[in-house]
Amino acid sequence: MGKPRFTEEFNIDAIKQITERGYSVADVSKRLEQ
């Protein structure tokens, strides 16, 4: 099993949720798992 690969758009959105919207890494991780 390899590491999951995500699109660049997905990664950028995840980073923006943390840096621009102030969400914690844990919160973003939980939201994206669903």
C-alpha atoms as a PDB file:
ATOM      1  CA  MET A   1       0.000   0.000   0.000  1.00  0.00           C
ATOM      2  CA  GLY A   2       1.359   3.357  -1.007  1.00  0.00           C
ATOM      3  CA  LYS A   3       0.774   6.788   0.329  1.00  0.00           C
ATOM      4  CA  PRO A   4      -2.498   8.251  -1.018  1.00  0.00           C
ATOM      5  CA  ARG A   5      -2.032  10.905  -3.696  1.00  0.00           C
ATOM      6  CA  PHE A   6      -4.280  13.929  -3.805  1.00  0.00           C
ATOM      7  CA  THR A   7      -4.800  16.523  -6.501  1.00  0.00           C
ATOM      8  CA  GLU A   8      -2.984  19.839  -6.282  1.00  0.00           C
ATOM      9  CA  GLU A   9      -6.359  21.589  -5.944  1.00  0.00           C
ATOM     10  CA  PHE A  10      -7.278  19.383  -2.968  1.00  0.00           C
ATOM     11  CA  ASN A  11      -3.957  20.132  -1.253  1.00  0.00           C
ATOM     12  CA  ILE A  12      -4.242  23.881  -1.846  1.00  0.00           C
ATOM     13  CA  ASP A  13      -7.770  23.944  -0.421  1.00  0.00           C
ATOM     14  CA  ALA A  14      -6.653  22.027   2.669  1.00  0.00           C
ATOM     15  CA  ILE A  15      -3.778  24.465   3.244  1.00  0.00           C
ATOM     16  CA  LYS A  16      -6.075  27.473   2.776  1.00  0.00           C
ATOM     17  CA  GLN A  17      -8.477  26.121   5.389  1.00  0.00           C
ATOM     18  CA  ILE A  18      -5.593  26.108   7.868  1.00  0.00           C
ATOM     19  CA  THR A  19      -3.793  29.326   6.923  1.00  0.00           C
ATOM     20  CA  GLU A  20      -6.617  31.610   5.775  1.00  0.00           C
ATOM     21  CA  ARG A  21      -9.640  30.369   7.694  1.00  0.00           C
ATOM     22  CA  GLY A  22      -7.876  29.557  10.943  1.00  0.00           C
ATOM     23  CA  TYR A  23      -8.911  25.911  11.245  1.00  0.00           C
ATOM     24  CA  SER A  24      -6.574  23.574  13.093  1.00  0.00           C
ATOM     25  CA  VAL A  25      -4.807  20.784  11.226  1.00  0.00           C
ATOM     26  CA  ALA A  26      -6.822  18.230  13.218  1.00  0.00           C
ATOM     27  CA  ASP A  27     -10.133  19.901  12.287  1.00  0.00           C
ATOM     28  CA  VAL A  28      -9.256  20.026   8.592  1.00  0.00           C
ATOM     29  CA  SER A  29      -8.107  16.418   8.658  1.00  0.00           C
ATOM     30  CA  LYS A  30     -11.392  15.276  10.197  1.00  0.00           C
ATOM     31  CA  ARG A  31     -13.456  17.296   7.726  1.00  0.00           C
ATOM     32  CA  LEU A  32     -11.569  15.950   4.705  1.00  0.00           C
ATOM     33  CA  GLU A  33     -11.844  12.311   5.790  1.00  0.00           C
ATOM     34  CA  GLN A  34     -15.619  12.387   5.353  1.00  0.00           C
END
